[in-house]
């Protein structure tokens, strides 16, 4: 079982930047950003505006500027800056984009969508 409970949250997935910052996906659909491998117990930033089921995968760009995560039904993307990784920053939460399939693609792949999970884990190159 890859799910780990910490305090009152259960984490489902994780990703790390080149600098050692950590992004954790949670069962409530939120993602939490931590500085330097959880040097502090509290997240630097929690992006929780899209609680639509457990996070199934998460990835972060090596430089920490972009984060992408999936739930069973959705793919989300956001751009973060240095302030989102730092404790005590007054940086507002970043905007989140919900990536969706076009109607044409839904029609084109309708047979596959019935037999496979809609979203596979996403990764940056």
Foldseek 3Di string as FASTA:
>chain_A
DQWDDDDHWIFAEWEAALQQWIWTWTQQGKIFIEARPCPDVHGLDIGRPDRDGTWNAKYAYNVRQKIWTDHLVWIKIWGDDPSSHDHPRPDDDTDMDIDDDDPVVCVVCVVVVVPDRPDDHDYDD
